């Protein structure tokens, strides 16, 4: 009996060790092939190459705003590439909003490997580029999708702390922290305490000092809507949420997400 218990504990410890060492390969699922902007339905966007503070030259896409319109900085989720998100930017471009799709390190042929700190740097590089080109922080809207919500909240909090808050923050299917999200997927191990890239949005959301719009499907099995509701509760006004009945993690636009986003933008 003791030997069986010992073997079971050894196997359990081995499982935890394997998952700890390989956690970033589970967290980040970068696509390699990037279609052209035209192929992605956003022909007016142009590829731009920006150099990060830590030396990576990353390809992103950008289309300037029409006069009087703000610019949407889109930070995407953990899988695929920027070219998978053209359909989400199309309704915004049609209304004259500027759009920047942030290309991450390690994604879509970009050099490097994704990490929490690295993705923050990639997003800040785009913000710095926009501001150097004459787009003030007050005309920038951060739009985070899934894992990208952690990036958007961090960058918005940094901007507020620097007394240059962005105009607004939009969050699609957000989570409280990566530890919380991991624990829901791996309840049989202490996942919450083993995560390296933590994305602690719930500790930062009250600091963003920007209008917040959050939407989340009630059938989401990737990021539980419970986490989105907890994050929303921790945010300060002004804030608005749409809890979308019937939607899961990947089909929110089939349930009117674009209309909700445009309505929010019109209000602000």
Foldseek 3Di string as FASTA:
>chain_A
DVVVVVVVVVVVVVVVVVCLVCVLVVQAAADAAADDLVVLVRNQWDWDWFAFPVGWTFIKIWHAFDPPAFAEEEEEGRYYFLSPCSVVCVVVVVVRHIYIDQTFDPHHNTHDGDALVRSLRSSVRVVVVVVVVPRAQQRYEYEYAEVRLLSSLVNLLVCLVVVRHHAEYEYELYFQWVLVLVCLVCVPDSSSVSDPRISRNLVRQQRNPYEYEYEYECAEPNRHVVRVVSSQVSYDPPYYYHHFYPDYRPCVVVRPPSVVVVVVSVVD
